[in-house]
Amino acid sequence: MFMNVATIDVSHSEDMDKRPPNYSASYTNPVFTEDPKPCFISNVMSRVNFESERDKSSQQIKNDSRVSIADFSIADTKDYDPHDFCNSKKPTTYCDTLVHLLKAAIGTGILAIPSAFKDAGYAVGVVGLIIMGAFYTYCIHMLLSSEYELCKRRRQVNMSYAATVQAAFEEGPKRLRWLAGVGQFAANFFFMLYESGGCAVYIIFISSNLKQLLDYYFEADFNLRLIMAYVTIPLILCCWIRNLKLLAPLSAIANVLMVISFCLVFWYVFQQAPSFEGRRARGEPSKLPMYLTTVLFSVASTGLILPLKNEMKSPKSFSTPLGVMNVSMIPISFLYVIFGFFGYLKYGDDIKGSITLNLPQAEGLAQLIKGLYSLTIFISYHLCYYVVYDIVWKNFLQGKIQTKKLFWEYVMRTLIPVVTFLMACAIPNLDLFISLVGAVGISTTSLVIPIITHWLVFWDHYTSITKRSIYFIKNLLLLCISLMIFFTGVTESVSDIIKTYYK
């Protein structure tokens, strides 16, 4: 659901994966010792503070939104909880965060869900979507618990996605610790594929809807790739804007227009009574990987999870049983099931990669929907692009470029939209590209990497042989399922792409 980055102006701050501002440099972090678990020795130093002074110090740290090992006694550090602290200048509430995740559900991903039901059938589609939603949610909880445990061990308030993966390798078995840098690179690489693929989907979506409008009004058959080229030019100009706050009002307007457009699409779907005639309850088994990766593309908002949690006033309420993550997935899954089910019943096997492409070309309201949705996606592109730019610039280029930084920054701001344009030109088919992005980018960042990260963090957590065996078998099973989705999704997507364009 790549509208996720358009729904909230979260800062991709490089401070997210750093220690708190007043972290004690003299403190020897147990994570860098031979024992991967923190070890606290009560007789290292005497407790010189009285209970009242300790409580006063702890409260002062909370008020300052900072935490430091130096401000706690040795006994206090044993009970350090990252959720007690918030380093956000403008923390969000439970309801704010819930609304952000719910708004993220109404994007290009949900418009592709009826197409996914075509591959699976309406019965398998409903059951499969619920299972995939639960599986995705569980994997995200694994990521959240890993980040929480690592923050406790390292006395940090929070971590970024890549920093969590790197720290997990550093905390894991000794034989694998040398892979910490590789793990961080892989996390950034697949996350970059995830978001850049979303940018390419944006270009395909905008151009496909504009093509229908242009073909109707000019009574011609315009070249889709040529439209993509013309769309990319103003996108590059938007990407040159360095201050995202300047585009915040437009993003707010885009959110409103998006909700209005989606409600109008719903009206079209329910305009006539749905019929089961000619609709399949289950699809071909060979098409199931396409269905799974499309669903994963639609429901996943992994890029939002840690930033949203880290921005909360009470981060603990994000991952509790009735926390933001679980509560948000209930209406999201219900919305996707209803939209996919009735969207497929409405258009059957004629459904296209985006349901907006099935709306009547000659009707003014349908044309308005396509225009509004294209406009909202166009406005949202720069936020999706910014994630890719932030990863490439800060992790790979900024430290290596010593002169003319502003010039090379604008070069990067130009190259990224051009690259996403070339990706879109290579596969100008919305449902095929969505499936490929879901298989390559999202299955890795949302399923495979969180499972591996959790495994590395808690690899020696269980002392009982029985519990350790159950944990090992459970994680191995989850990893095998995730890898199966990855490999079958990539194989089927590439196979269909070759059959469609290069055979």
Protein backbone atom coordinates (compact mmCIF):
# COMPACT_ATOMS: atom_id res chain seq x y z
CA MET A 1 0.00 0.00 0.00
CA PHE A 2 2.44 2.60 -1.13
CA MET A 3 0.22 5.48 -0.14
CA ASN A 4 1.70 4.93 3.31
CA VAL A 5 4.42 7.53 2.92
CA ALA A 6 1.90 10.10 1.74
CA THR A 7 -0.21 9.97 4.84
CA ILE A 8 2.19 11.34 7.41
CA ASP A 9 5.12 13.68 7.33
CA VAL A 10 7.44 11.50 9.39
CA SER A 11 11.03 12.61 9.52
CA HIS A 12 13.55 10.08 8.29
CA SER A 13 15.97 11.49 10.76
CA GLU A 14 19.45 10.08 10.89
CA ASP A 15 19.20 10.52 14.68
CA MET A 16 16.77 7.62 14.89
CA ASP A 17 19.54 5.04 14.98
CA LYS A 18 21.90 6.95 17.25
CA ARG A 19 22.28 6.82 20.97
CA PRO A 20 20.45 9.42 23.06
CA PRO A 21 22.10 12.87 23.17
CA ASN A 22 23.56 12.50 26.67
CA TYR A 23 24.64 8.88 26.35
CA SER A 24 27.62 8.16 28.57
CA ALA A 25 30.66 7.55 26.40
CA SER A 26 32.52 5.97 29.30
CA TYR A 27 29.94 3.24 29.75
CA THR A 28 31.01 -0.11 28.33
CA ASN A 29 28.02 -1.51 26.53
CA PRO A 30 27.67 -5.22 27.31
CA VAL A 31 26.63 -5.88 23.72
CA PHE A 32 30.21 -5.44 22.55
CA THR A 33 31.58 -7.95 25.03
CA GLU A 34 31.87 -11.66 24.45
CA ASP A 35 28.59 -12.33 26.25
CA PRO A 36 25.76 -11.21 23.95
CA LYS A 37 23.43 -10.58 26.88
CA PRO A 38 23.86 -7.65 29.29
CA CYS A 39 25.38 -8.59 32.59
CA PHE A 40 24.86 -6.36 35.61
CA ILE A 41 27.18 -6.69 38.62
CA SER A 42 25.73 -5.19 41.76
CA ASN A 43 29.03 -4.62 43.54
CA VAL A 44 30.72 -2.60 40.78
CA MET A 45 29.78 0.62 42.50
CA SER A 46 27.75 1.54 45.55
CA ARG A 47 24.41 3.22 45.30
CA VAL A 48 24.96 6.76 46.53
CA ASN A 49 21.56 8.17 45.65
CA PHE A 50 18.54 7.84 47.88
CA GLU A 51 15.25 6.58 46.44
CA SER A 52 13.77 10.08 46.28
CA GLU A 53 16.74 11.42 44.35
CA ARG A 54 16.59 8.53 41.93
CA ASP A 55 12.90 9.07 41.25
CA LYS A 56 13.50 12.78 40.74
CA SER A 57 16.31 12.06 38.28
CA SER A 58 14.20 9.57 36.34
CA GLN A 59 11.33 12.03 36.10
CA GLN A 60 13.65 14.77 34.89
CA ILE A 61 14.93 12.53 32.12
CA LYS A 62 11.40 11.76 31.02
CA ASN A 63 10.57 15.45 30.94
CA ASP A 64 13.63 16.14 28.82
CA SER A 65 12.72 13.25 26.46
CA ARG A 66 16.23 11.87 26.93
CA VAL A 67 17.81 8.90 28.63
CA SER A 68 21.36 8.29 29.71
CA ILE A 69 23.08 5.46 31.52
CA ALA A 70 24.89 8.09 33.57
CA ASP A 71 21.58 9.25 35.06
CA PHE A 72 20.72 5.84 36.49
CA SER A 73 22.25 3.66 39.15
CA ILE A 74 23.38 0.17 38.18
CA ALA A 75 20.22 -1.34 39.66
CA ASP A 76 18.06 1.06 37.67
CA THR A 77 19.60 0.14 34.32
CA LYS A 78 18.44 -3.42 34.81
CA ASP A 79 14.83 -2.24 34.52
CA TYR A 80 15.40 0.22 31.71
CA ASP A 81 12.39 0.32 29.37
CA PRO A 82 12.69 2.23 26.05
CA HIS A 83 8.93 2.67 26.00
CA ASP A 84 9.18 5.02 28.99
CA PHE A 85 10.88 7.62 26.83
CA CYS A 86 10.01 9.56 23.72
CA ASN A 87 12.49 11.66 21.75
CA SER A 88 9.93 13.10 19.33
CA LYS A 89 9.44 16.85 19.38
CA LYS A 90 5.77 16.45 18.49
CA PRO A 91 4.65 13.05 19.82
CA THR A 92 1.46 11.53 18.45
CA THR A 93 -1.37 9.93 20.39
CA TYR A 94 -2.88 6.46 20.01
CA CYS A 95 -5.72 7.82 17.87
CA ASP A 96 -3.38 9.90 15.69
CA THR A 97 -1.24 6.88 14.89
CA LEU A 98 -4.28 4.69 14.26
CA VAL A 99 -5.66 7.22 11.78
CA HIS A 100 -2.32 7.38 9.95
CA LEU A 101 -2.28 3.61 9.45
CA LEU A 102 -5.93 3.54 8.38
CA LYS A 103 -5.36 6.31 5.84
CA ALA A 104 -2.42 4.35 4.48
CA ALA A 105 -4.79 1.55 3.51
CA ILE A 106 -6.54 3.61 0.83
CA GLY A 107 -3.91 3.76 -1.90
CA THR A 108 -2.90 2.12 -5.14
CA GLY A 109 -2.67 -1.23 -3.37
CA ILE A 110 -6.34 -1.55 -2.49
CA LEU A 111 -7.31 -0.71 -6.07
CA ALA A 112 -5.37 -3.82 -7.17
CA ILE A 113 -7.10 -6.20 -4.71
CA PRO A 114 -9.99 -7.12 -7.09
CA SER A 115 -7.35 -8.14 -9.64
CA ALA A 116 -5.77 -10.39 -7.01
CA PHE A 117 -9.18 -12.02 -6.38
CA LYS A 118 -9.32 -12.83 -10.09
CA ASP A 119 -6.19 -14.99 -9.65
CA ALA A 120 -7.41 -16.71 -6.47
CA GLY A 121 -11.21 -16.78 -6.82
CA TYR A 122 -13.62 -15.09 -4.45
CA ALA A 123 -13.65 -17.83 -1.77
CA VAL A 124 -9.89 -18.44 -1.69
CA GLY A 125 -9.37 -14.70 -2.00
CA VAL A 126 -11.31 -13.93 1.18
CA VAL A 127 -9.67 -16.65 3.28
CA GLY A 128 -6.22 -16.01 1.87
CA LEU A 129 -6.39 -12.28 2.52
CA ILE A 130 -7.30 -12.80 6.17
CA ILE A 131 -4.48 -15.33 6.60
CA MET A 132 -1.94 -13.12 4.84
CA GLY A 133 -3.01 -10.13 6.93
CA ALA A 134 -2.51 -12.13 10.12
CA PHE A 135 0.83 -13.52 8.91
CA TYR A 136 2.09 -10.06 7.99
CA THR A 137 0.95 -8.65 11.34
CA TYR A 138 2.74 -11.41 13.23
CA CYS A 139 5.99 -10.80 11.34
CA ILE A 140 5.77 -7.08 12.08
CA HIS A 141 5.35 -7.90 15.77
CA MET A 142 8.53 -9.95 15.51
CA LEU A 143 10.29 -6.88 14.13
CA LEU A 144 8.88 -4.66 16.88
CA SER A 145 9.86 -7.06 19.67
CA SER A 146 13.38 -7.34 18.21
CA GLU A 147 13.77 -3.57 18.09
CA TYR A 148 12.45 -3.26 21.65
CA GLU A 149 14.82 -5.90 23.01
CA LEU A 150 17.83 -4.38 21.21
CA CYS A 151 16.97 -0.93 22.55
CA LYS A 152 16.85 -2.36 26.07
CA ARG A 153 20.24 -3.99 25.69
CA ARG A 154 21.85 -0.91 24.16
CA ARG A 155 20.05 1.67 26.28
CA GLN A 156 18.61 3.45 23.24
CA VAL A 157 15.21 5.05 22.89
CA ASN A 158 14.54 3.60 19.43
CA MET A 159 16.17 2.29 16.26
CA SER A 160 15.60 2.53 12.55
CA TYR A 161 14.82 -0.52 10.40
CA ALA A 162 18.36 -0.98 9.06
CA ALA A 163 19.94 -0.27 12.46
CA THR A 164 17.74 -2.96 14.02
CA VAL A 165 18.92 -5.53 11.48
CA GLN A 166 22.56 -4.57 11.97
CA ALA A 167 22.29 -4.71 15.77
CA ALA A 168 20.55 -8.10 15.55
CA PHE A 169 23.57 -9.57 13.78
CA GLU A 170 25.89 -7.97 16.34
CA GLU A 171 23.83 -9.55 19.13
CA GLY A 172 23.46 -12.92 17.42
CA PRO A 173 25.75 -15.97 17.39
CA LYS A 174 29.45 -15.09 17.30
CA ARG A 175 29.95 -16.83 13.97
CA LEU A 176 27.46 -14.48 12.30
CA ARG A 177 28.48 -11.15 13.83
CA TRP A 178 30.81 -10.35 10.96
CA LEU A 179 27.69 -10.19 8.77
CA ALA A 180 26.34 -7.12 10.59
CA GLY A 181 27.40 -4.76 7.81
CA VAL A 182 26.02 -7.11 5.17
CA GLY A 183 22.73 -7.29 7.06
CA GLN A 184 22.42 -3.53 7.21
CA PHE A 185 23.23 -3.25 3.49
CA ALA A 186 20.67 -5.93 2.62
CA ALA A 187 18.01 -4.19 4.72
CA ASN A 188 18.67 -0.87 2.99
CA PHE A 189 18.89 -2.51 -0.44
CA PHE A 190 15.59 -4.39 -0.26
CA PHE A 191 13.89 -1.46 1.39
CA MET A 192 15.13 0.71 -1.47
CA LEU A 193 13.72 -1.81 -3.99
CA TYR A 194 10.45 -1.79 -2.06
CA GLU A 195 10.04 1.99 -2.21
CA SER A 196 11.50 2.53 -5.71
CA GLY A 197 9.14 -0.16 -6.98
CA GLY A 198 6.32 1.80 -5.37
CA CYS A 199 7.47 4.92 -7.23
CA ALA A 200 7.38 3.00 -10.50
CA VAL A 201 3.87 1.76 -9.68
CA TYR A 202 2.87 5.39 -9.16
CA ILE A 203 4.12 6.29 -12.64
CA ILE A 204 2.32 3.35 -14.25
CA PHE A 205 -0.89 4.14 -12.37
CA ILE A 206 -0.90 7.83 -13.29
CA SER A 207 -0.01 7.18 -16.94
CA SER A 208 -2.53 4.34 -17.40
CA ASN A 209 -5.41 6.45 -16.11
CA LEU A 210 -4.31 9.49 -18.12
CA LYS A 211 -4.06 7.34 -21.24
CA GLN A 212 -7.73 6.38 -20.96
CA LEU A 213 -8.71 10.03 -20.62
CA LEU A 214 -6.52 11.15 -23.51
CA ASP A 215 -7.64 8.28 -25.75
CA TYR A 216 -11.29 9.17 -25.16
CA TYR A 217 -11.06 12.94 -25.64
CA PHE A 218 -8.64 12.90 -28.58
CA GLU A 219 -10.03 9.69 -30.13
CA ALA A 220 -6.54 8.28 -30.54
CA ASP A 221 -4.38 5.51 -29.13
CA PHE A 222 -1.58 7.22 -27.24
CA ASN A 223 1.64 5.40 -26.44
CA LEU A 224 1.72 4.56 -22.72
CA ARG A 225 5.50 4.84 -22.43
CA LEU A 226 5.41 8.29 -24.04
CA ILE A 227 2.85 9.42 -21.47
CA MET A 228 5.15 8.08 -18.75
CA ALA A 229 7.98 10.21 -20.08
CA TYR A 230 5.85 13.35 -20.00
CA VAL A 231 4.61 12.52 -16.49
CA THR A 232 8.18 12.02 -15.23
CA ILE A 233 9.28 15.56 -16.15
CA PRO A 234 7.06 17.40 -13.60
CA LEU A 235 7.78 14.62 -11.08
CA ILE A 236 11.48 15.48 -11.32
CA LEU A 237 10.69 19.14 -10.67
CA CYS A 238 8.74 18.18 -7.56
CA CYS A 239 11.65 16.06 -6.37
CA TRP A 240 13.92 19.12 -6.58
CA ILE A 241 11.99 20.68 -3.69
CA ARG A 242 14.28 20.14 -0.71
CA ASN A 243 11.89 21.20 2.05
CA LEU A 244 9.05 18.68 2.36
CA LYS A 245 7.09 21.09 4.55
CA LEU A 246 6.37 23.19 1.46
CA LEU A 247 4.41 20.27 0.02
CA ALA A 248 2.62 19.35 3.25
CA PRO A 249 -0.56 21.38 2.41
CA LEU A 250 -0.78 19.64 -0.97
CA SER A 251 -0.39 16.25 0.71
CA ALA A 252 -3.23 17.07 3.09
CA ILE A 253 -5.45 18.04 0.14
CA ALA A 254 -4.40 14.86 -1.66
CA ASN A 255 -5.52 12.74 1.29
CA VAL A 256 -8.98 14.29 1.21
CA LEU A 257 -9.28 13.86 -2.57
CA MET A 258 -8.12 10.27 -2.27
CA VAL A 259 -10.83 9.40 0.26
CA ILE A 260 -13.47 11.08 -1.92
CA SER A 261 -12.26 9.20 -5.01
CA PHE A 262 -12.26 5.89 -3.17
CA CYS A 263 -15.83 6.42 -1.97
CA LEU A 264 -16.89 7.15 -5.56
CA VAL A 265 -15.21 3.94 -6.73
CA PHE A 266 -17.14 2.07 -4.04
CA TRP A 267 -20.32 3.64 -5.37
CA TYR A 268 -19.56 2.28 -8.85
CA VAL A 269 -18.89 -1.20 -7.46
CA PHE A 270 -22.24 -1.32 -5.66
CA GLN A 271 -24.20 0.47 -8.37
CA GLN A 272 -25.69 -2.86 -9.41
CA ALA A 273 -26.41 -6.00 -7.43
CA PRO A 274 -23.38 -8.32 -7.57
CA SER A 275 -23.71 -11.61 -9.43
CA PHE A 276 -21.85 -14.92 -8.94
CA GLU A 277 -22.50 -15.96 -12.54
CA GLY A 278 -19.22 -16.72 -14.28
CA ARG A 279 -17.22 -15.98 -11.12
CA ARG A 280 -14.85 -18.62 -9.78
CA ALA A 281 -14.69 -19.60 -6.10
CA ARG A 282 -11.06 -20.66 -6.54
CA GLY A 283 -8.56 -19.87 -9.22
CA GLU A 284 -5.72 -21.78 -10.81
CA PRO A 285 -3.04 -22.99 -8.34
CA SER A 286 -0.32 -21.56 -10.61
CA LYS A 287 -1.77 -18.07 -10.09
CA LEU A 288 -1.73 -18.27 -6.29
CA PRO A 289 1.78 -16.71 -5.98
CA MET A 290 0.58 -13.69 -7.97
CA TYR A 291 -2.36 -13.37 -5.60
CA LEU A 292 -0.19 -13.62 -2.48
CA THR A 293 2.35 -11.04 -3.62
CA THR A 294 -0.37 -8.61 -4.73
CA VAL A 295 -2.10 -8.93 -1.36
CA LEU A 296 1.22 -8.44 0.40
CA PHE A 297 1.87 -5.32 -1.68
CA SER A 298 -1.53 -3.97 -0.69
CA VAL A 299 -1.61 -4.65 3.06
CA ALA A 300 2.06 -3.97 3.86
CA SER A 301 3.10 -0.59 5.21
CA THR A 302 6.42 -1.65 6.69
CA GLY A 303 8.03 1.69 5.91
CA LEU A 304 5.64 3.35 8.34
CA ILE A 305 5.78 0.93 11.25
CA LEU A 306 8.93 1.93 13.15
CA PRO A 307 8.70 5.68 12.36
CA LEU A 308 5.09 5.77 13.56
CA LYS A 309 5.85 3.79 16.70
CA ASN A 310 8.88 5.97 17.46
CA GLU A 311 6.79 9.14 17.08
CA MET A 312 4.19 8.05 19.64
CA LYS A 313 3.85 9.61 23.06
CA SER A 314 3.37 6.11 24.45
CA PRO A 315 5.22 3.70 22.11
CA LYS A 316 4.18 0.73 24.22
CA SER A 317 0.59 1.09 23.03
CA PHE A 318 1.63 0.35 19.45
CA SER A 319 2.30 -3.38 19.86
CA THR A 320 0.09 -4.46 22.75
CA PRO A 321 -2.79 -6.93 22.09
CA LEU A 322 -5.16 -3.96 21.71
CA GLY A 323 -2.45 -1.71 20.34
CA VAL A 324 -2.40 0.33 17.16
CA MET A 325 -0.97 -2.44 14.99
CA ASN A 326 -3.59 -5.07 15.81
CA VAL A 327 -6.54 -2.70 15.99
CA SER A 328 -5.70 -1.06 12.63
CA MET A 329 -5.41 -4.41 10.82
CA ILE A 330 -9.00 -5.39 11.69
CA PRO A 331 -10.78 -2.62 9.68
CA ILE A 332 -8.04 -2.72 7.02
CA SER A 333 -8.53 -6.46 6.44
CA PHE A 334 -12.33 -6.03 6.47
CA LEU A 335 -12.11 -3.18 3.95
CA TYR A 336 -9.83 -5.17 1.64
CA VAL A 337 -12.02 -8.27 1.81
CA ILE A 338 -15.17 -6.30 0.98
CA PHE A 339 -13.54 -4.32 -1.82
CA GLY A 340 -11.77 -7.29 -3.37
CA PHE A 341 -14.79 -9.58 -3.12
CA PHE A 342 -17.37 -7.21 -4.60
CA GLY A 343 -14.91 -5.68 -7.05
CA TYR A 344 -14.25 -9.11 -8.53
CA LEU A 345 -17.96 -9.97 -8.60
CA LYS A 346 -18.60 -6.68 -10.41
CA TYR A 347 -16.09 -7.08 -13.25
CA GLY A 348 -15.08 -10.75 -13.14
CA ASP A 349 -12.13 -11.83 -15.26
CA ASP A 350 -12.20 -8.46 -17.05
CA ILE A 351 -10.84 -6.74 -13.94
CA LYS A 352 -7.62 -4.82 -14.58
CA GLY A 353 -4.56 -4.00 -12.49
CA SER A 354 -6.39 -1.03 -10.98
CA ILE A 355 -10.15 -1.07 -10.72
CA THR A 356 -10.21 2.57 -11.87
CA LEU A 357 -9.22 1.31 -15.33
CA ASN A 358 -12.52 -0.62 -15.50
CA LEU A 359 -14.66 2.47 -14.94
CA PRO A 360 -16.57 3.64 -18.03
CA GLN A 361 -14.45 5.93 -20.19
CA ALA A 362 -17.40 7.96 -21.45
CA GLU A 363 -18.95 8.86 -18.08
CA GLY A 364 -18.00 12.18 -16.54
CA LEU A 365 -17.97 10.88 -12.97
CA ALA A 366 -15.63 8.02 -13.91
CA GLN A 367 -13.34 10.49 -15.65
CA LEU A 368 -13.36 12.67 -12.54
CA ILE A 369 -12.35 9.69 -10.38
CA LYS A 370 -9.44 8.83 -12.66
CA GLY A 371 -8.30 12.44 -12.74
CA LEU A 372 -8.54 12.91 -8.96
CA TYR A 373 -6.77 9.65 -8.19
CA SER A 374 -4.00 10.47 -10.67
CA LEU A 375 -3.59 13.88 -9.06
CA THR A 376 -3.37 12.46 -5.53
CA ILE A 377 -0.80 9.85 -6.58
CA PHE A 378 1.19 12.52 -8.41
CA ILE A 379 1.33 14.68 -5.27
CA SER A 380 2.27 11.65 -3.17
CA TYR A 381 5.13 10.54 -5.41
CA HIS A 382 7.71 12.88 -3.90
CA LEU A 383 7.19 11.39 -0.44
CA CYS A 384 7.65 7.84 -1.68
CA TYR A 385 10.70 8.96 -3.64
CA TYR A 386 12.15 10.68 -0.58
CA VAL A 387 12.57 7.36 1.22
CA VAL A 388 14.73 6.07 -1.64
CA TYR A 389 16.69 9.31 -1.78
CA ASP A 390 17.23 9.28 1.98
CA ILE A 391 18.65 5.73 1.90
CA VAL A 392 20.92 6.29 -1.10
CA TRP A 393 22.17 9.73 -0.12
CA LYS A 394 22.75 9.25 3.60
CA ASN A 395 23.97 5.66 3.56
CA PHE A 396 26.05 5.51 0.39
CA LEU A 397 26.95 8.94 -0.99
CA GLN A 398 26.90 11.77 1.54
CA GLY A 399 30.05 10.72 3.40
CA LYS A 400 32.00 10.09 0.20
CA ILE A 401 31.26 13.37 -1.57
CA GLN A 402 33.43 16.19 -0.25
CA THR A 403 32.89 18.95 -2.82
CA LYS A 404 29.88 20.27 -4.73
CA LYS A 405 27.48 18.42 -2.45
CA LEU A 406 24.50 20.51 -3.52
CA PHE A 407 25.19 19.77 -7.19
CA TRP A 408 25.41 16.01 -6.60
CA GLU A 409 22.35 16.15 -4.40
CA TYR A 410 20.33 17.52 -7.30
CA VAL A 411 21.86 14.91 -9.58
CA MET A 412 20.51 12.23 -7.24
CA ARG A 413 17.14 13.97 -7.03
CA THR A 414 16.99 13.76 -10.83
CA LEU A 415 18.36 10.26 -11.31
CA ILE A 416 15.96 8.50 -8.93
CA PRO A 417 12.77 9.55 -10.80
CA VAL A 418 14.49 8.70 -14.09
CA VAL A 419 15.40 5.23 -12.82
CA THR A 420 11.84 4.61 -11.60
CA PHE A 421 10.60 5.79 -15.00
CA LEU A 422 12.86 3.25 -16.72
CA MET A 423 11.59 0.52 -14.38
CA ALA A 424 8.01 1.45 -15.30
CA CYS A 425 8.86 1.48 -19.01
CA ALA A 426 10.34 -2.01 -18.77
CA ILE A 427 7.08 -3.43 -17.37
CA PRO A 428 4.21 -1.01 -18.12
CA ASN A 429 1.61 -3.40 -16.74
CA LEU A 430 0.16 -2.50 -13.37
CA ASP A 431 -0.80 -5.93 -12.03
CA LEU A 432 2.43 -7.59 -13.21
CA PHE A 433 4.59 -4.87 -11.72
CA ILE A 434 2.70 -4.85 -8.42
CA SER A 435 3.15 -8.60 -8.13
CA LEU A 436 6.88 -8.32 -8.85
CA VAL A 437 7.37 -5.57 -6.27
CA GLY A 438 5.41 -7.56 -3.73
CA ALA A 439 7.58 -10.62 -4.33
CA VAL A 440 11.01 -8.97 -4.44
CA GLY A 441 10.73 -5.96 -2.14
CA ILE A 442 7.90 -6.49 0.30
CA SER A 443 8.20 -10.21 1.02
CA THR A 444 11.82 -9.62 2.06
CA THR A 445 11.37 -6.45 4.11
CA SER A 446 8.05 -7.46 5.71
CA LEU A 447 8.46 -11.22 6.18
CA VAL A 448 11.93 -12.68 5.65
CA ILE A 449 14.07 -10.01 7.33
CA PRO A 450 11.84 -9.60 10.45
CA ILE A 451 11.89 -13.38 11.00
CA ILE A 452 15.68 -13.59 10.64
CA THR A 453 16.11 -10.54 12.88
CA HIS A 454 13.94 -12.04 15.61
CA TRP A 455 15.84 -15.31 15.35
CA LEU A 456 19.19 -13.57 15.80
CA VAL A 457 18.03 -11.49 18.78
CA PHE A 458 16.39 -14.33 20.72
CA TRP A 459 18.56 -17.23 19.55
CA ASP A 460 19.67 -18.07 23.12
CA HIS A 461 16.61 -16.73 24.94
CA TYR A 462 15.21 -20.15 25.86
CA THR A 463 17.21 -22.35 28.23
CA SER A 464 14.79 -25.27 28.10
CA ILE A 465 15.52 -27.72 25.28
CA THR A 466 11.79 -28.19 24.64
CA LYS A 467 11.04 -24.46 24.36
CA ARG A 468 14.14 -23.85 22.26
CA SER A 469 13.15 -26.66 19.88
CA ILE A 470 9.60 -25.30 19.55
CA TYR A 471 10.97 -21.81 18.90
CA PHE A 472 13.41 -23.16 16.30
CA ILE A 473 10.73 -25.20 14.47
CA LYS A 474 8.25 -22.30 14.52
CA ASN A 475 10.73 -19.80 13.09
CA LEU A 476 12.00 -22.29 10.54
CA LEU A 477 8.44 -22.92 9.36
CA LEU A 478 7.70 -19.17 9.12
CA LEU A 479 10.94 -18.58 7.24
CA CYS A 480 10.22 -21.40 4.79
CA ILE A 481 6.75 -19.99 4.07
CA SER A 482 8.20 -16.51 3.53
CA LEU A 483 10.93 -17.79 1.22
CA MET A 484 8.35 -19.83 -0.68
CA ILE A 485 6.27 -16.68 -1.23
CA PHE A 486 9.41 -14.88 -2.36
CA PHE A 487 10.67 -17.50 -4.82
CA THR A 488 7.31 -18.57 -6.25
CA GLY A 489 6.21 -14.93 -6.52
CA VAL A 490 9.36 -13.88 -8.35
CA THR A 491 9.26 -16.94 -10.63
CA GLU A 492 5.62 -16.50 -11.58
CA SER A 493 5.90 -12.73 -12.02
CA VAL A 494 9.00 -12.94 -14.21
CA SER A 495 7.43 -15.77 -16.21
CA ASP A 496 4.30 -13.73 -16.91
CA ILE A 497 6.38 -10.66 -17.78
CA ILE A 498 8.44 -12.63 -20.30
CA LYS A 499 5.28 -14.12 -21.85
CA THR A 500 3.63 -10.70 -22.09
CA TYR A 501 6.48 -8.53 -23.38
CA TYR A 502 9.56 -10.47 -24.36
CA LYS A 503 8.44 -13.64 -26.09
